[in-house]
C-alpha atoms as a PDB file:
ATOM      1  CA  MET A   1      60.726 -50.057   1.039  1.00  0.00           C
ATOM      2  CA  ALA A   2      63.676 -52.277   0.160  1.00  0.00           C
ATOM      3  CA  ASN A   3      66.378 -51.959  -2.469  1.00  0.00           C
ATOM      4  CA  ILE A   4      66.144 -55.260  -4.320  1.00  0.00           C
ATOM      5  CA  LEU A   5      68.610 -56.736  -6.805  1.00  0.00           C
ATOM      6  CA  LEU A   6      66.718 -58.990  -9.225  1.00  0.00           C
ATOM      7  CA  ILE A   7      68.815 -61.392 -11.334  1.00  0.00           C
ATOM      8  CA  ASP A   8      66.962 -63.428 -13.950  1.00  0.00           C
ATOM      9  CA  GLU A   9      67.667 -64.404 -17.548  1.00  0.00           C
ATOM     10  CA  ASP A  10      63.963 -64.317 -18.482  1.00  0.00           C
ATOM     11  CA  HIS A  11      63.573 -60.695 -19.602  1.00  0.00           C
ATOM     12  CA  ARG A  12      59.768 -60.697 -19.655  1.00  0.00           C
ATOM     13  CA  TYR A  13      59.362 -62.261 -16.220  1.00  0.00           C
ATOM     14  CA  ARG A  14      62.124 -60.073 -14.788  1.00  0.00           C
ATOM     15  CA  ARG A  15      60.443 -56.907 -16.041  1.00  0.00           C
ATOM     16  CA  LEU A  16      56.998 -58.055 -14.854  1.00  0.00           C
ATOM     17  CA  LEU A  17      58.209 -58.882 -11.349  1.00  0.00           C
ATOM     18  CA  SER A  18      60.228 -55.675 -11.202  1.00  0.00           C
ATOM     19  CA  ASP A  19      57.173 -53.588 -12.093  1.00  0.00           C
ATOM     20  CA  GLN A  20      55.051 -55.431  -9.537  1.00  0.00           C
ATOM     21  CA  LEU A  21      57.575 -54.991  -6.725  1.00  0.00           C
ATOM     22  CA  THR A  22      58.047 -51.333  -7.667  1.00  0.00           C
ATOM     23  CA  SER A  23      54.286 -50.809  -7.381  1.00  0.00           C
ATOM     24  CA  LEU A  24      54.543 -52.218  -3.842  1.00  0.00           C
ATOM     25  CA  GLY A  25      57.072 -49.527  -2.943  1.00  0.00           C
ATOM     26  CA  HIS A  26      60.411 -51.259  -3.546  1.00  0.00           C
ATOM     27  CA  ALA A  27      63.343 -50.003  -5.605  1.00  0.00           C
ATOM     28  CA  VAL A  28      64.413 -52.748  -8.020  1.00  0.00           C
ATOM     29  CA  THR A  29      67.606 -53.119 -10.039  1.00  0.00           C
ATOM     30  CA  GLU A  30      67.287 -55.682 -12.845  1.00  0.00           C
ATOM     31  CA  VAL A  31      70.193 -57.735 -14.152  1.00  0.00           C
ATOM     32  CA  ALA A  32      70.248 -60.571 -16.681  1.00  0.00           C
ATOM     33  CA  LEU A  33      71.857 -63.753 -15.398  1.00  0.00           C
ATOM     34  CA  HIS A  34      74.551 -63.688 -18.093  1.00  0.00           C
ATOM     35  CA  GLU A  35      75.615 -60.242 -16.801  1.00  0.00           C
ATOM     36  CA  SER A  36      75.950 -61.398 -13.190  1.00  0.00           C
ATOM     37  CA  GLY A  37      79.759 -61.485 -13.409  1.00  0.00           C
ATOM     38  CA  ARG A  38      79.882 -57.696 -13.514  1.00  0.00           C
ATOM     39  CA  THR A  39      77.301 -57.561 -10.718  1.00  0.00           C
ATOM     40  CA  LEU A  40      79.476 -59.770  -8.497  1.00  0.00           C
ATOM     41  CA  SER A  41      82.383 -57.412  -9.138  1.00  0.00           C
ATOM     42  CA  ASP A  42      80.235 -54.390  -8.218  1.00  0.00           C
ATOM     43  CA  LEU A  43      79.101 -56.004  -4.959  1.00  0.00           C
ATOM     44  CA  THR A  44      82.701 -56.377  -3.768  1.00  0.00           C
ATOM     45  CA  CYS A  45      83.395 -52.661  -4.338  1.00  0.00           C
ATOM     46  CA  HIS A  46      83.236 -50.573  -1.124  1.00  0.00           C
ATOM     47  CA  THR A  47      81.762 -47.592  -3.013  1.00  0.00           C
ATOM     48  CA  HIS A  48      78.869 -49.624  -4.446  1.00  0.00           C
ATOM     49  CA  GLN A  49      75.463 -49.409  -2.773  1.00  0.00           C
ATOM     50  CA  ARG A  50      74.587 -52.908  -1.625  1.00  0.00           C
ATOM     51  CA  PRO A  51      71.005 -54.089  -2.108  1.00  0.00           C
ATOM     52  CA  ASP A  52      68.904 -54.899   0.932  1.00  0.00           C
ATOM     53  CA  ALA A  53      68.065 -58.281  -0.597  1.00  0.00           C
ATOM     54  CA  VAL A  54      68.787 -60.332  -3.720  1.00  0.00           C
ATOM     55  CA  ILE A  55      66.279 -62.378  -5.724  1.00  0.00           C
ATOM     56  CA  VAL A  56      67.900 -64.712  -8.246  1.00  0.00           C
ATOM     57  CA  ASP A  57      66.974 -67.503 -10.626  1.00  0.00           C
ATOM     58  CA  PRO A  58      70.360 -69.272 -10.782  1.00  0.00           C
ATOM     59  CA  ILE A  59      69.244 -72.087 -13.087  1.00  0.00           C
ATOM     60  CA  MET A  60      70.397 -71.732 -16.691  1.00  0.00           C
ATOM     61  CA  PRO A  61      72.082 -74.104 -19.140  1.00  0.00           C
ATOM     62  CA  ALA A  62      75.876 -73.919 -18.977  1.00  0.00           C
ATOM     63  CA  VAL A  63      75.715 -72.081 -15.623  1.00  0.00           C
ATOM     64  CA  ASP A  64      76.723 -73.653 -12.323  1.00  0.00           C
ATOM     65  CA  GLY A  65      73.740 -72.415 -10.334  1.00  0.00           C
ATOM     66  CA  LEU A  66      75.055 -73.611  -6.977  1.00  0.00           C
ATOM     67  CA  LEU A  67      78.402 -71.882  -7.488  1.00  0.00           C
ATOM     68  CA  LEU A  68      76.631 -68.691  -8.527  1.00  0.00           C
ATOM     69  CA  MET A  69      74.487 -68.879  -5.404  1.00  0.00           C
ATOM     70  CA  ARG A  70      77.542 -69.260  -3.172  1.00  0.00           C
ATOM     71  CA  LEU A  71      79.307 -66.333  -4.861  1.00  0.00           C
ATOM     72  CA  LEU A  72      76.259 -64.079  -4.544  1.00  0.00           C
ATOM     73  CA  CYS A  73      75.900 -64.851  -0.845  1.00  0.00           C
ATOM     74  CA  VAL A  74      79.578 -64.141  -0.173  1.00  0.00           C
ATOM     75  CA  ALA A  75      79.794 -60.999  -2.354  1.00  0.00           C
ATOM     76  CA  SER A  76      76.516 -59.372  -1.327  1.00  0.00           C
ATOM     77  CA  ARG A  77      76.486 -60.355   2.356  1.00  0.00           C
ATOM     78  CA  ARG A  78      72.745 -59.770   2.108  1.00  0.00           C
ATOM     79  CA  PRO A  79      69.707 -62.094   2.199  1.00  0.00           C
ATOM     80  CA  VAL A  80      69.435 -64.058  -1.058  1.00  0.00           C
ATOM     81  CA  VAL A  81      66.218 -65.735  -2.243  1.00  0.00           C
ATOM     82  CA  ALA A  82      66.310 -68.422  -4.940  1.00  0.00           C
ATOM     83  CA  HIS A  83      63.334 -67.843  -7.236  1.00  0.00           C
ATOM     84  CA  THR A  84      63.109 -70.416 -10.005  1.00  0.00           C
ATOM     85  CA  LEU A  85      60.750 -72.897 -11.649  1.00  0.00           C
ATOM     86  CA  ASN A  86      59.509 -75.757  -9.503  1.00  0.00           C
ATOM     87  CA  ARG A  87      62.468 -77.964  -8.621  1.00  0.00           C
ATOM     88  CA  THR A  88      62.775 -81.330  -6.951  1.00  0.00           C
ATOM     89  CA  ASP A  89      63.171 -81.440  -3.191  1.00  0.00           C
ATOM     90  CA  ASP A  90      66.841 -82.307  -3.646  1.00  0.00           C
ATOM     91  CA  ASP A  91      67.351 -79.205  -5.850  1.00  0.00           C
ATOM     92  CA  VAL A  92      65.745 -76.950  -3.249  1.00  0.00           C
ATOM     93  CA  VAL A  93      67.858 -78.472  -0.478  1.00  0.00           C
ATOM     94  CA  SER A  94      71.004 -77.933  -2.575  1.00  0.00           C
ATOM     95  CA  LEU A  95      70.160 -74.256  -3.189  1.00  0.00           C
ATOM     96  CA  LEU A  96      69.478 -73.641   0.499  1.00  0.00           C
ATOM     97  CA  ARG A  97      72.697 -75.399   1.517  1.00  0.00           C
ATOM     98  CA  ALA A  98      74.571 -73.330  -1.057  1.00  0.00           C
ATOM     99  CA  GLY A  99      73.600 -70.235   0.921  1.00  0.00           C
ATOM    100  CA  ALA A 100      70.099 -69.207  -0.168  1.00  0.00           C
ATOM    101  CA  ASP A 101      68.050 -67.745   2.671  1.00  0.00           C
ATOM    102  CA  GLY A 102      64.788 -68.822   1.095  1.00  0.00           C
ATOM    103  CA  PHE A 103      63.182 -70.468  -1.920  1.00  0.00           C
ATOM    104  CA  LEU A 104      60.167 -69.293  -3.926  1.00  0.00           C
ATOM    105  CA  PRO A 105      58.825 -71.294  -6.891  1.00  0.00           C
ATOM    106  CA  LYS A 106      58.256 -69.443 -10.140  1.00  0.00           C
ATOM    107  CA  PRO A 107      55.781 -67.979 -10.948  1.00  0.00           C
ATOM    108  CA  CYS A 108      54.836 -66.528  -7.593  1.00  0.00           C
ATOM    109  CA  PRO A 109      52.318 -63.829  -6.598  1.00  0.00           C
ATOM    110  CA  PRO A 110      54.161 -60.538  -5.975  1.00  0.00           C
ATOM    111  CA  ALA A 111      52.488 -60.245  -2.558  1.00  0.00           C
ATOM    112  CA  VAL A 112      54.182 -63.500  -1.522  1.00  0.00           C
ATOM    113  CA  VAL A 113      57.575 -62.287  -2.801  1.00  0.00           C
ATOM    114  CA  ASP A 114      57.038 -59.008  -0.926  1.00  0.00           C
ATOM    115  CA  ALA A 115      56.128 -60.846   2.284  1.00  0.00           C
ATOM    116  CA  CYS A 116      59.162 -63.125   2.003  1.00  0.00           C
ATOM    117  CA  ILE A 117      61.552 -60.184   1.557  1.00  0.00           C
ATOM    118  CA  SER A 118      59.911 -58.290   4.422  1.00  0.00           C
ATOM    119  CA  ALA A 119      60.211 -61.330   6.706  1.00  0.00           C
ATOM    120  CA  LEU A 120      63.924 -61.694   5.941  1.00  0.00           C
ATOM    121  CA  LEU A 121      64.655 -58.009   6.462  1.00  0.00           C
ATOM    122  CA  ARG A 122      62.910 -57.908   9.837  1.00  0.00           C
ATOM    123  CA  ARG A 123      65.853 -59.884  11.203  1.00  0.00           C
ATOM    124  CA  VAL A 124      68.671 -58.321   9.164  1.00  0.00           C
ATOM    125  CA  PRO A 125      70.088 -54.782   9.606  1.00  0.00           C
ATOM    126  CA  PRO A 126      69.748 -52.450   6.598  1.00  0.00           C
ATOM    127  CA  ALA A 127      72.577 -52.494   4.062  1.00  0.00           C
ATOM    128  CA  PRO A 128      75.331 -50.095   5.191  1.00  0.00           C
ATOM    129  CA  PRO A 129      75.828 -46.965   3.062  1.00  0.00           C
ATOM    130  CA  PRO A 130      78.819 -47.050   0.711  1.00  0.00           C
ATOM    131  CA  ALA A 131      81.862 -44.917   1.426  1.00  0.00           C
ATOM    132  CA  PRO A 132      82.139 -41.651  -0.555  1.00  0.00           C
ATOM    133  CA  SER A 133      84.302 -41.921  -3.648  1.00  0.00           C
ATOM    134  CA  GLU A 134      87.005 -39.345  -4.340  1.00  0.00           C
ATOM    135  CA  VAL A 135      88.562 -38.952  -7.785  1.00  0.00           C
ATOM    136  CA  GLY A 136      90.970 -36.050  -7.688  1.00  0.00           C
ATOM    137  CA  THR A 137      88.945 -32.985  -6.640  1.00  0.00           C
ATOM    138  CA  LEU A 138      85.685 -34.762  -7.477  1.00  0.00           C
ATOM    139  CA  ARG A 139      83.778 -36.282  -4.534  1.00  0.00           C
ATOM    140  CA  ILE A 140      80.728 -38.499  -4.996  1.00  0.00           C
ATOM    141  CA  ASP A 141      78.659 -39.378  -1.940  1.00  0.00           C
ATOM    142  CA  VAL A 142      76.306 -42.153  -3.052  1.00  0.00           C
ATOM    143  CA  ALA A 143      74.531 -42.370   0.303  1.00  0.00           C
ATOM    144  CA  GLY A 144      73.824 -38.636   0.365  1.00  0.00           C
ATOM    145  CA  ARG A 145      73.423 -38.442  -3.428  1.00  0.00           C
ATOM    146  CA  SER A 146      75.664 -35.379  -3.555  1.00  0.00           C
ATOM    147  CA  VAL A 147      78.582 -34.340  -5.754  1.00  0.00           C
ATOM    148  CA  THR A 148      81.229 -31.673  -5.207  1.00  0.00           C
ATOM    149  CA  VAL A 149      84.205 -30.460  -7.219  1.00  0.00           C
ATOM    150  CA  GLU A 150      86.895 -28.677  -5.197  1.00  0.00           C
ATOM    151  CA  GLY A 151      84.371 -28.479  -2.380  1.00  0.00           C
ATOM    152  CA  GLN A 152      81.729 -26.757  -4.493  1.00  0.00           C
ATOM    153  CA  PRO A 153      78.361 -28.554  -4.937  1.00  0.00           C
ATOM    154  CA  VAL A 154      77.332 -29.730  -8.385  1.00  0.00           C
ATOM    155  CA  THR A 155      73.624 -30.127  -9.123  1.00  0.00           C
ATOM    156  CA  LEU A 156      72.849 -33.263 -11.137  1.00  0.00           C
ATOM    157  CA  THR A 157      69.658 -34.930 -12.258  1.00  0.00           C
ATOM    158  CA  ARG A 158      68.916 -38.391 -10.896  1.00  0.00           C
ATOM    159  CA  THR A 159      70.024 -40.044 -14.140  1.00  0.00           C
ATOM    160  CA  GLU A 160      73.209 -37.986 -14.338  1.00  0.00           C
ATOM    161  CA  PHE A 161      74.049 -38.917 -10.750  1.00  0.00           C
ATOM    162  CA  ASP A 162      73.401 -42.635 -11.387  1.00  0.00           C
ATOM    163  CA  LEU A 163      75.686 -42.469 -14.414  1.00  0.00           C
ATOM    164  CA  LEU A 164      78.473 -40.751 -12.479  1.00  0.00           C
ATOM    165  CA  SER A 165      78.192 -43.101  -9.494  1.00  0.00           C
ATOM    166  CA  CYS A 166      78.463 -46.078 -11.852  1.00  0.00           C
ATOM    167  CA  LEU A 167      81.743 -44.688 -13.199  1.00  0.00           C
ATOM    168  CA  ALA A 168      82.942 -43.873  -9.667  1.00  0.00           C
ATOM    169  CA  GLU A 169      82.588 -47.510  -8.655  1.00  0.00           C
ATOM    170  CA  HIS A 170      85.424 -48.335 -11.074  1.00  0.00           C
ATOM    171  CA  PRO A 171      87.815 -45.341 -11.002  1.00  0.00           C
ATOM    172  CA  GLY A 172      90.458 -45.526 -13.681  1.00  0.00           C
ATOM    173  CA  ARG A 173      88.746 -48.479 -15.391  1.00  0.00           C
ATOM    174  CA  VAL A 174      86.808 -48.354 -18.632  1.00  0.00           C
ATOM    175  CA  VAL A 175      83.097 -48.962 -18.047  1.00  0.00           C
ATOM    176  CA  SER A 176      81.282 -50.356 -21.073  1.00  0.00           C
ATOM    177  CA  ARG A 177      78.576 -48.322 -22.759  1.00  0.00           C
ATOM    178  CA  SER A 178      76.138 -51.190 -22.321  1.00  0.00           C
ATOM    179  CA  LEU A 179      76.573 -51.093 -18.530  1.00  0.00           C
ATOM    180  CA  LEU A 180      76.250 -47.309 -18.503  1.00  0.00           C
ATOM    181  CA  ARG A 181      73.007 -47.559 -20.480  1.00  0.00           C
ATOM    182  CA  THR A 182      71.706 -50.156 -18.024  1.00  0.00           C
ATOM    183  CA  ARG A 183      72.465 -47.965 -15.026  1.00  0.00           C
ATOM    184  CA  ALA A 184      71.045 -44.885 -16.737  1.00  0.00           C
ATOM    185  CA  GLY A 185      67.677 -46.472 -17.471  1.00  0.00           C
ATOM    186  CA  GLY A 186      68.080 -49.705 -19.420  1.00  0.00           C
ATOM    187  CA  ASP A 187      66.372 -50.229 -22.757  1.00  0.00           C
ATOM    188  CA  ALA A 188      64.802 -46.758 -22.600  1.00  0.00           C
ATOM    189  CA  VAL A 189      68.245 -45.156 -23.023  1.00  0.00           C
ATOM    190  CA  SER A 190      69.521 -45.150 -26.600  1.00  0.00           C
ATOM    191  CA  ALA A 191      73.144 -44.715 -27.644  1.00  0.00           C
ATOM    192  CA  ALA A 192      72.377 -41.113 -28.627  1.00  0.00           C
ATOM    193  CA  SER A 193      70.680 -40.450 -25.269  1.00  0.00           C
ATOM    194  CA  LEU A 194      73.736 -41.782 -23.444  1.00  0.00           C
ATOM    195  CA  ASP A 195      75.994 -39.459 -25.449  1.00  0.00           C
ATOM    196  CA  ALA A 196      73.747 -36.516 -24.537  1.00  0.00           C
ATOM    197  CA  LEU A 197      73.844 -37.492 -20.849  1.00  0.00           C
ATOM    198  CA  LEU A 198      77.624 -37.718 -20.852  1.00  0.00           C
ATOM    199  CA  CYS A 199      77.851 -34.361 -22.609  1.00  0.00           C
ATOM    200  CA  ARG A 200      75.687 -32.652 -19.979  1.00  0.00           C
ATOM    201  CA  LEU A 201      77.635 -34.343 -17.199  1.00  0.00           C
ATOM    202  CA  ARG A 202      80.953 -33.091 -18.604  1.00  0.00           C
ATOM    203  CA  ARG A 203      79.631 -29.551 -18.829  1.00  0.00           C
ATOM    204  CA  LYS A 204      78.318 -29.570 -15.271  1.00  0.00           C
ATOM    205  CA  LEU A 205      81.599 -30.832 -13.862  1.00  0.00           C
ATOM    206  CA  ALA A 206      83.580 -28.300 -15.905  1.00  0.00           C
ATOM    207  CA  GLU A 207      81.373 -25.422 -14.681  1.00  0.00           C
ATOM    208  CA  ARG A 208      82.675 -25.928 -11.161  1.00  0.00           C
ATOM    209  CA  ALA A 209      86.364 -26.027 -12.067  1.00  0.00           C
ATOM    210  CA  ALA A 210      87.206 -24.584 -15.462  1.00  0.00           C
ATOM    211  CA  GLY A 211      89.243 -26.952 -17.553  1.00  0.00           C
ATOM    212  CA  THR A 212      88.766 -29.940 -15.273  1.00  0.00           C
ATOM    213  CA  LYS A 213      88.054 -33.127 -17.176  1.00  0.00           C
ATOM    214  CA  PHE A 214      87.206 -36.354 -15.400  1.00  0.00           C
ATOM    215  CA  LEU A 215      85.345 -38.352 -18.035  1.00  0.00           C
ATOM    216  CA  HIS A 216      87.506 -40.004 -20.688  1.00  0.00           C
ATOM    217  CA  THR A 217      86.173 -41.837 -23.714  1.00  0.00           C
ATOM    218  CA  ALA A 218      87.891 -45.060 -24.763  1.00  0.00           C
ATOM    219  CA  ARG A 219      86.832 -45.301 -28.378  1.00  0.00           C
ATOM    220  CA  GLY A 220      84.891 -48.480 -29.085  1.00  0.00           C
ATOM    221  CA  ARG A 221      85.042 -49.589 -25.445  1.00  0.00           C
ATOM    222  CA  GLY A 222      83.340 -47.162 -23.080  1.00  0.00           C
ATOM    223  CA  VAL A 223      84.130 -44.387 -20.601  1.00  0.00           C
ATOM    224  CA  SER A 224      86.513 -44.133 -17.652  1.00  0.00           C
ATOM    225  CA  LEU A 225      86.612 -41.737 -14.711  1.00  0.00           C
ATOM    226  CA  HIS A 226      89.962 -40.374 -13.562  1.00  0.00           C
ATOM    227  CA  PRO A 227      91.442 -36.914 -12.957  1.00  0.00           C
ATOM    228  CA  VAL A 228      93.738 -35.084 -15.330  1.00  0.00           C
ATOM    229  CA  PRO A 229      96.834 -33.650 -13.577  1.00  0.00           C
ATOM    230  CA  ARG A 230      96.297 -30.012 -12.560  1.00  0.00           C
ATOM    231  CA  GLN A 231      98.854 -28.601 -14.983  1.00  0.00           C
ATOM    232  CA  GLN A 232      97.333 -30.441 -17.941  1.00  0.00           C
ATOM    233  CA  HIS A 233      93.746 -29.385 -17.348  1.00  0.00           C
ATOM    234  CA  VAL A 234      94.758 -25.748 -16.753  1.00  0.00           C
ATOM    235  CA  GLU A 235      96.536 -25.792 -20.114  1.00  0.00           C
ATOM    236  CA  LYS A 236      93.436 -27.312 -21.751  1.00  0.00           C
ATOM    237  CA  ALA A 237      91.198 -24.702 -20.126  1.00  0.00           C
ATOM    238  CA  SER A 238      93.269 -21.859 -21.482  1.00  0.00           C
ATOM    239  CA  ALA A 239      93.255 -23.402 -24.960  1.00  0.00           C
ATOM    240  CA  SER A 240      89.505 -24.015 -25.212  1.00  0.00           C
ATOM    241  CA  GLY A 241      86.298 -24.417 -23.249  1.00  0.00           C
ATOM    242  CA  PRO A 242      84.769 -27.773 -22.289  1.00  0.00           C
ATOM    243  CA  THR A 243      83.691 -29.940 -25.201  1.00  0.00           C
ATOM    244  CA  CYS A 244      81.735 -33.157 -25.560  1.00  0.00           C
ATOM    245  CA  ARG A 245      83.296 -36.117 -27.299  1.00  0.00           C
END
């Protein structure tokens, strides 16, 4: 099994290929090409889990596909496969010289994509695990998929953990609700479902250290993860129990 990052602006094809690769045993993260800027930022973060391989269609109007390819190769430091509609020989040469480790024309049988990824990974070590992230007394170990508050374990569902790890990749920064929905399950997660997830996450973190509050809502923008000074959250705990906002 490989953790694959799939970047493609064609939603239907991206979803189809993702489902096919998942059925072959891979874990696939889908990203639209116009959202690749955030993805590049994530890949440079030491607490972000790097994919084992990247599949990208870098060709889109108003996008410098060769520059995007170079940036992906540098940021991910993982094998990158260009997967786009049939191009001229010169286009393929340019993509390979820009850093691509392989080229697959689109469409392509999933078995061929699987074989190409497997061939690349036979010669490349697995992606290293990310370093644990510590935010105040909160510790998130992405590699071990564990969370503790003041040394005490916190039991989270898979979706709750994915949501928290997304926030932990950008401590102190506001993470947009759209990105949180993507990391929590994509189109299947509604705005109301995201609110419910955040509410449960707040309660579980507060259960381990009464009055502690790590998740902060920036109205109209998103959510940020940072600790409240000890004195402040003790005062809040004595005033009222944990609430969801």
